Amino acid sequence: MESSDRSLDKTDPYQTDMNIDIESLSVTGHLVFAGRDGQVKVQTGGDVAQHTNQTVTVGGVETTPQELEMMLQCIRSVEQTIQKQQQLQPESREAAMHDLQTVEAQLTTTKRPNPRILIRAAKSLLRFSPALTAAALTLFDQPLVGAILASAGEVAINFHEAIARHRPGKKI
């Protein structure tokens, strides 16, 4: 049996055909398959190395799960700061929590956030106490939050620039 005949024979028990659907492949070796990014490097001699990275989309920005986790930890830190504030009245604490939940919802949506809702809640969050302001400024200083604000448009970018001018330890 010739090799061309063998390839047409579907009863071969040692058939090694494999079908992989590749969404896209660039000339640099970057490929997308099954919703994951991959990098394939082929060197002389036939050695193949494959690296895959899982990505997630939050706030209309593609990022890594690690960056998302860092942002969520920062949000939890702001939440803990709200809970620890002894001088806040119960209604102020509730309002601050609501503002933080609104900020979180806007930052963690898969789509671009609504800049007006996000900025209104963020500005409100900054008004309760100096400790809460410092915690919120730390949140808004996260690179992922900056990227999300940049994707939200000019209003959000202006807000982020204003926040950057008032970082703790930075002279005004």
C-alpha atoms as a PDB file:
ATOM      1  CA  MET A   1       0.000   0.000   0.000  1.00  0.00           C
ATOM      2  CA  GLU A   2       1.451   3.375  -0.979  1.00  0.00           C
ATOM      3  CA  SER A   3       1.605   6.247   1.503  1.00  0.00           C
ATOM      4  CA  SER A   4      -1.049   8.185  -0.409  1.00  0.00           C
ATOM      5  CA  ASP A   5      -3.377   5.169  -0.201  1.00  0.00           C
ATOM      6  CA  ARG A   6      -2.683   4.786   3.497  1.00  0.00           C
ATOM      7  CA  SER A   7      -3.645   8.416   4.219  1.00  0.00           C
ATOM      8  CA  LEU A   8      -7.008   7.817   2.580  1.00  0.00           C
ATOM      9  CA  ASP A   9      -7.652   4.621   4.521  1.00  0.00           C
ATOM     10  CA  LYS A  10      -9.924   5.625   7.434  1.00  0.00           C
ATOM     11  CA  THR A  11      -9.751   2.203   9.109  1.00  0.00           C
ATOM     12  CA  ASP A  12      -6.083   2.580  10.107  1.00  0.00           C
ATOM     13  CA  PRO A  13      -6.045   2.097  13.906  1.00  0.00           C
ATOM     14  CA  TYR A  14      -2.806   4.087  14.213  1.00  0.00           C
ATOM     15  CA  GLN A  15      -4.137   7.172  12.517  1.00  0.00           C
ATOM     16  CA  THR A  16      -2.655  10.271  14.183  1.00  0.00           C
ATOM     17  CA  ASP A  17      -4.680  13.052  12.621  1.00  0.00           C
ATOM     18  CA  MET A  18      -5.440  15.951  14.951  1.00  0.00           C
ATOM     19  CA  ASN A  19      -7.664  18.906  14.251  1.00  0.00           C
ATOM     20  CA  ILE A  20      -7.014  22.149  16.130  1.00  0.00           C
ATOM     21  CA  ASP A  21      -9.118  25.188  15.299  1.00  0.00           C
ATOM     22  CA  ILE A  22      -6.881  28.246  15.370  1.00  0.00           C
ATOM     23  CA  GLU A  23      -8.719  31.532  15.514  1.00  0.00           C
ATOM     24  CA  SER A  24      -5.762  33.607  14.287  1.00  0.00           C
ATOM     25  CA  LEU A  25      -2.021  33.272  13.734  1.00  0.00           C
ATOM     26  CA  SER A  26       0.443  36.084  13.179  1.00  0.00           C
ATOM     27  CA  VAL A  27       3.807  35.940  11.438  1.00  0.00           C
ATOM     28  CA  THR A  28       5.516  36.391  14.816  1.00  0.00           C
ATOM     29  CA  GLY A  29       4.019  33.149  16.111  1.00  0.00           C
ATOM     30  CA  HIS A  30       1.202  34.656  18.207  1.00  0.00           C
ATOM     31  CA  LEU A  31      -1.950  32.612  17.929  1.00  0.00           C
ATOM     32  CA  VAL A  32      -5.396  32.591  19.511  1.00  0.00           C
ATOM     33  CA  PHE A  33      -7.190  29.324  20.139  1.00  0.00           C
ATOM     34  CA  ALA A  34     -10.116  28.409  22.393  1.00  0.00           C
ATOM     35  CA  GLY A  35     -10.284  31.974  23.732  1.00  0.00           C
ATOM     36  CA  ARG A  36      -6.676  31.861  24.971  1.00  0.00           C
ATOM     37  CA  ASP A  37      -3.575  33.601  23.716  1.00  0.00           C
ATOM     38  CA  GLY A  38      -0.590  31.470  22.888  1.00  0.00           C
ATOM     39  CA  GLN A  39       2.932  31.999  21.691  1.00  0.00           C
ATOM     40  CA  VAL A  40       4.531  29.301  19.552  1.00  0.00           C
ATOM     41  CA  LYS A  41       8.270  29.405  18.926  1.00  0.00           C
ATOM     42  CA  VAL A  42       9.786  27.017  16.408  1.00  0.00           C
ATOM     43  CA  GLN A  43      13.556  26.853  16.315  1.00  0.00           C
ATOM     44  CA  THR A  44      15.905  25.164  13.883  1.00  0.00           C
ATOM     45  CA  GLY A  45      15.986  21.501  14.672  1.00  0.00           C
ATOM     46  CA  GLY A  46      12.264  21.246  15.289  1.00  0.00           C
ATOM     47  CA  ASP A  47      12.094  22.143  19.003  1.00  0.00           C
ATOM     48  CA  VAL A  48       8.722  23.690  19.806  1.00  0.00           C
ATOM     49  CA  ALA A  49       7.960  25.754  22.890  1.00  0.00           C
ATOM     50  CA  GLN A  50       4.435  26.873  23.641  1.00  0.00           C
ATOM     51  CA  HIS A  51       3.394  29.529  26.138  1.00  0.00           C
ATOM     52  CA  THR A  52      -0.257  30.332  26.799  1.00  0.00           C
ATOM     53  CA  ASN A  53      -1.701  33.212  28.765  1.00  0.00           C
ATOM     54  CA  GLN A  54      -5.254  33.416  30.003  1.00  0.00           C
ATOM     55  CA  THR A  55      -6.768  36.865  29.574  1.00  0.00           C
ATOM     56  CA  VAL A  56      -9.933  38.426  30.919  1.00  0.00           C
ATOM     57  CA  THR A  57     -11.798  41.543  29.875  1.00  0.00           C
ATOM     58  CA  VAL A  58     -12.865  44.035  32.529  1.00  0.00           C
ATOM     59  CA  GLY A  59     -13.976  47.577  31.954  1.00  0.00           C
ATOM     60  CA  GLY A  60     -13.509  47.091  28.239  1.00  0.00           C
ATOM     61  CA  VAL A  61      -9.802  46.343  28.783  1.00  0.00           C
ATOM     62  CA  GLU A  62      -8.086  43.001  28.211  1.00  0.00           C
ATOM     63  CA  THR A  63      -5.913  42.069  31.191  1.00  0.00           C
ATOM     64  CA  THR A  64      -4.489  39.147  33.105  1.00  0.00           C
ATOM     65  CA  PRO A  65      -6.275  37.410  35.972  1.00  0.00           C
ATOM     66  CA  GLN A  66      -3.424  38.530  38.237  1.00  0.00           C
ATOM     67  CA  GLU A  67      -3.984  42.225  37.481  1.00  0.00           C
ATOM     68  CA  LEU A  68      -7.708  41.765  38.018  1.00  0.00           C
ATOM     69  CA  GLU A  69      -7.018  40.072  41.365  1.00  0.00           C
ATOM     70  CA  MET A  70      -4.771  42.974  42.421  1.00  0.00           C
ATOM     71  CA  MET A  71      -7.545  45.451  41.611  1.00  0.00           C
ATOM     72  CA  LEU A  72     -10.125  43.378  43.512  1.00  0.00           C
ATOM     73  CA  GLN A  73      -7.798  43.175  46.543  1.00  0.00           C
ATOM     74  CA  CYS A  74      -7.489  46.950  46.470  1.00  0.00           C
ATOM     75  CA  ILE A  75     -11.291  47.274  46.364  1.00  0.00           C
ATOM     76  CA  ARG A  76     -11.507  44.928  49.389  1.00  0.00           C
ATOM     77  CA  SER A  77      -8.960  47.130  51.155  1.00  0.00           C
ATOM     78  CA  VAL A  78     -11.160  50.196  50.592  1.00  0.00           C
ATOM     79  CA  GLU A  79     -14.126  48.192  51.914  1.00  0.00           C
ATOM     80  CA  GLN A  80     -12.170  47.308  55.072  1.00  0.00           C
ATOM     81  CA  THR A  81     -11.224  50.953  55.513  1.00  0.00           C
ATOM     82  CA  ILE A  82     -14.906  51.922  55.353  1.00  0.00           C
ATOM     83  CA  GLN A  83     -15.750  49.303  57.997  1.00  0.00           C
ATOM     84  CA  LYS A  84     -12.945  50.498  60.308  1.00  0.00           C
ATOM     85  CA  GLN A  85     -13.925  54.186  60.226  1.00  0.00           C
ATOM     86  CA  GLN A  86     -15.263  54.842  63.724  1.00  0.00           C
ATOM     87  CA  GLN A  87     -16.161  58.488  63.059  1.00  0.00           C
ATOM     88  CA  LEU A  88     -18.520  57.628  60.191  1.00  0.00           C
ATOM     89  CA  GLN A  89     -22.208  57.693  61.007  1.00  0.00           C
ATOM     90  CA  PRO A  90     -24.117  54.538  59.983  1.00  0.00           C
ATOM     91  CA  GLU A  91     -25.810  56.339  57.086  1.00  0.00           C
ATOM     92  CA  SER A  92     -22.454  57.702  55.866  1.00  0.00           C
ATOM     93  CA  ARG A  93     -20.908  54.230  56.112  1.00  0.00           C
ATOM     94  CA  GLU A  94     -23.826  52.841  54.102  1.00  0.00           C
ATOM     95  CA  ALA A  95     -23.464  55.602  51.494  1.00  0.00           C
ATOM     96  CA  ALA A  96     -19.709  54.961  51.215  1.00  0.00           C
ATOM     97  CA  MET A  97     -20.320  51.220  50.762  1.00  0.00           C
ATOM     98  CA  HIS A  98     -22.900  51.982  48.072  1.00  0.00           C
ATOM     99  CA  ASP A  99     -20.415  54.267  46.281  1.00  0.00           C
ATOM    100  CA  LEU A 100     -17.716  51.587  46.473  1.00  0.00           C
ATOM    101  CA  GLN A 101     -20.107  48.933  45.132  1.00  0.00           C
ATOM    102  CA  THR A 102     -20.991  51.249  42.243  1.00  0.00           C
ATOM    103  CA  VAL A 103     -17.295  51.831  41.488  1.00  0.00           C
ATOM    104  CA  GLU A 104     -16.642  48.079  41.646  1.00  0.00           C
ATOM    105  CA  ALA A 105     -19.580  47.292  39.355  1.00  0.00           C
ATOM    106  CA  GLN A 106     -18.381  49.853  36.811  1.00  0.00           C
ATOM    107  CA  LEU A 107     -14.755  48.658  36.939  1.00  0.00           C
ATOM    108  CA  THR A 108     -15.530  44.939  36.702  1.00  0.00           C
ATOM    109  CA  THR A 109     -18.067  44.941  33.896  1.00  0.00           C
ATOM    110  CA  THR A 110     -16.853  43.371  30.652  1.00  0.00           C
ATOM    111  CA  LYS A 111     -17.904  46.477  28.723  1.00  0.00           C
ATOM    112  CA  ARG A 112     -16.535  49.972  29.005  1.00  0.00           C
ATOM    113  CA  PRO A 113     -17.878  51.617  32.158  1.00  0.00           C
ATOM    114  CA  ASN A 114     -20.296  54.513  32.102  1.00  0.00           C
ATOM    115  CA  PRO A 115     -17.899  57.391  32.835  1.00  0.00           C
ATOM    116  CA  ARG A 116     -20.518  59.626  34.465  1.00  0.00           C
ATOM    117  CA  ILE A 117     -21.725  56.955  36.899  1.00  0.00           C
ATOM    118  CA  LEU A 118     -18.165  55.852  37.685  1.00  0.00           C
ATOM    119  CA  ILE A 119     -16.830  59.373  38.270  1.00  0.00           C
ATOM    120  CA  ARG A 120     -19.845  60.447  40.340  1.00  0.00           C
ATOM    121  CA  ALA A 121     -19.463  57.423  42.646  1.00  0.00           C
ATOM    122  CA  ALA A 122     -15.676  57.837  42.842  1.00  0.00           C
ATOM    123  CA  LYS A 123     -15.892  61.526  43.740  1.00  0.00           C
ATOM    124  CA  SER A 124     -18.508  60.745  46.370  1.00  0.00           C
ATOM    125  CA  LEU A 125     -16.265  58.048  47.842  1.00  0.00           C
ATOM    126  CA  LEU A 126     -13.452  60.579  48.283  1.00  0.00           C
ATOM    127  CA  ARG A 127     -15.460  62.886  50.558  1.00  0.00           C
ATOM    128  CA  PHE A 128     -16.034  60.785  53.701  1.00  0.00           C
ATOM    129  CA  SER A 129     -12.729  60.786  55.608  1.00  0.00           C
ATOM    130  CA  PRO A 130      -8.996  61.273  55.042  1.00  0.00           C
ATOM    131  CA  ALA A 131      -8.276  57.551  55.598  1.00  0.00           C
ATOM    132  CA  LEU A 132     -10.981  56.550  53.107  1.00  0.00           C
ATOM    133  CA  THR A 133      -9.695  59.127  50.630  1.00  0.00           C
ATOM    134  CA  ALA A 134      -6.182  57.659  50.895  1.00  0.00           C
ATOM    135  CA  ALA A 135      -7.500  54.111  50.355  1.00  0.00           C
ATOM    136  CA  ALA A 136      -9.607  55.212  47.375  1.00  0.00           C
ATOM    137  CA  LEU A 137      -6.658  57.085  45.851  1.00  0.00           C
ATOM    138  CA  THR A 138      -4.627  53.886  46.103  1.00  0.00           C
ATOM    139  CA  LEU A 139      -7.386  52.072  44.197  1.00  0.00           C
ATOM    140  CA  PHE A 140      -7.480  54.707  41.465  1.00  0.00           C
ATOM    141  CA  ASP A 141      -3.693  54.581  41.197  1.00  0.00           C
ATOM    142  CA  GLN A 142      -3.804  50.919  40.067  1.00  0.00           C
ATOM    143  CA  PRO A 143      -2.555  50.515  36.459  1.00  0.00           C
ATOM    144  CA  LEU A 144      -5.609  48.454  35.499  1.00  0.00           C
ATOM    145  CA  VAL A 145      -7.975  51.113  36.872  1.00  0.00           C
ATOM    146  CA  GLY A 146      -6.069  53.742  34.883  1.00  0.00           C
ATOM    147  CA  ALA A 147      -6.441  51.669  31.716  1.00  0.00           C
ATOM    148  CA  ILE A 148     -10.167  51.201  32.365  1.00  0.00           C
ATOM    149  CA  LEU A 149     -10.616  54.927  32.946  1.00  0.00           C
ATOM    150  CA  ALA A 150      -8.698  55.632  29.734  1.00  0.00           C
ATOM    151  CA  SER A 151     -11.062  53.326  27.845  1.00  0.00           C
ATOM    152  CA  ALA A 152     -14.071  55.132  29.323  1.00  0.00           C
ATOM    153  CA  GLY A 153     -13.286  58.406  27.603  1.00  0.00           C
ATOM    154  CA  GLU A 154     -12.141  61.961  28.201  1.00  0.00           C
ATOM    155  CA  VAL A 155     -14.191  62.640  31.349  1.00  0.00           C
ATOM    156  CA  ALA A 156     -12.683  59.606  33.054  1.00  0.00           C
ATOM    157  CA  ILE A 157      -9.166  60.465  31.853  1.00  0.00           C
ATOM    158  CA  ASN A 158      -9.492  63.969  33.303  1.00  0.00           C
ATOM    159  CA  PHE A 159     -10.633  62.468  36.604  1.00  0.00           C
ATOM    160  CA  HIS A 160      -7.684  60.074  36.655  1.00  0.00           C
ATOM    161  CA  GLU A 161      -5.260  62.942  35.959  1.00  0.00           C
ATOM    162  CA  ALA A 162      -6.807  64.948  38.799  1.00  0.00           C
ATOM    163  CA  ILE A 163      -6.406  61.945  41.119  1.00  0.00           C
ATOM    164  CA  ALA A 164      -2.779  61.551  40.046  1.00  0.00           C
ATOM    165  CA  ARG A 165      -2.052  65.145  41.090  1.00  0.00           C
ATOM    166  CA  HIS A 166      -3.253  64.385  44.632  1.00  0.00           C
ATOM    167  CA  ARG A 167      -1.405  61.141  45.365  1.00  0.00           C
ATOM    168  CA  PRO A 168      -0.216  60.855  48.954  1.00  0.00           C
ATOM    169  CA  GLY A 169       3.362  62.108  49.247  1.00  0.00           C
ATOM    170  CA  LYS A 170       3.224  64.089  46.002  1.00  0.00           C
ATOM    171  CA  LYS A 171       3.632  67.837  46.346  1.00  0.00           C
ATOM    172  CA  ILE A 172       0.905  69.922  44.762  1.00  0.00           C
END
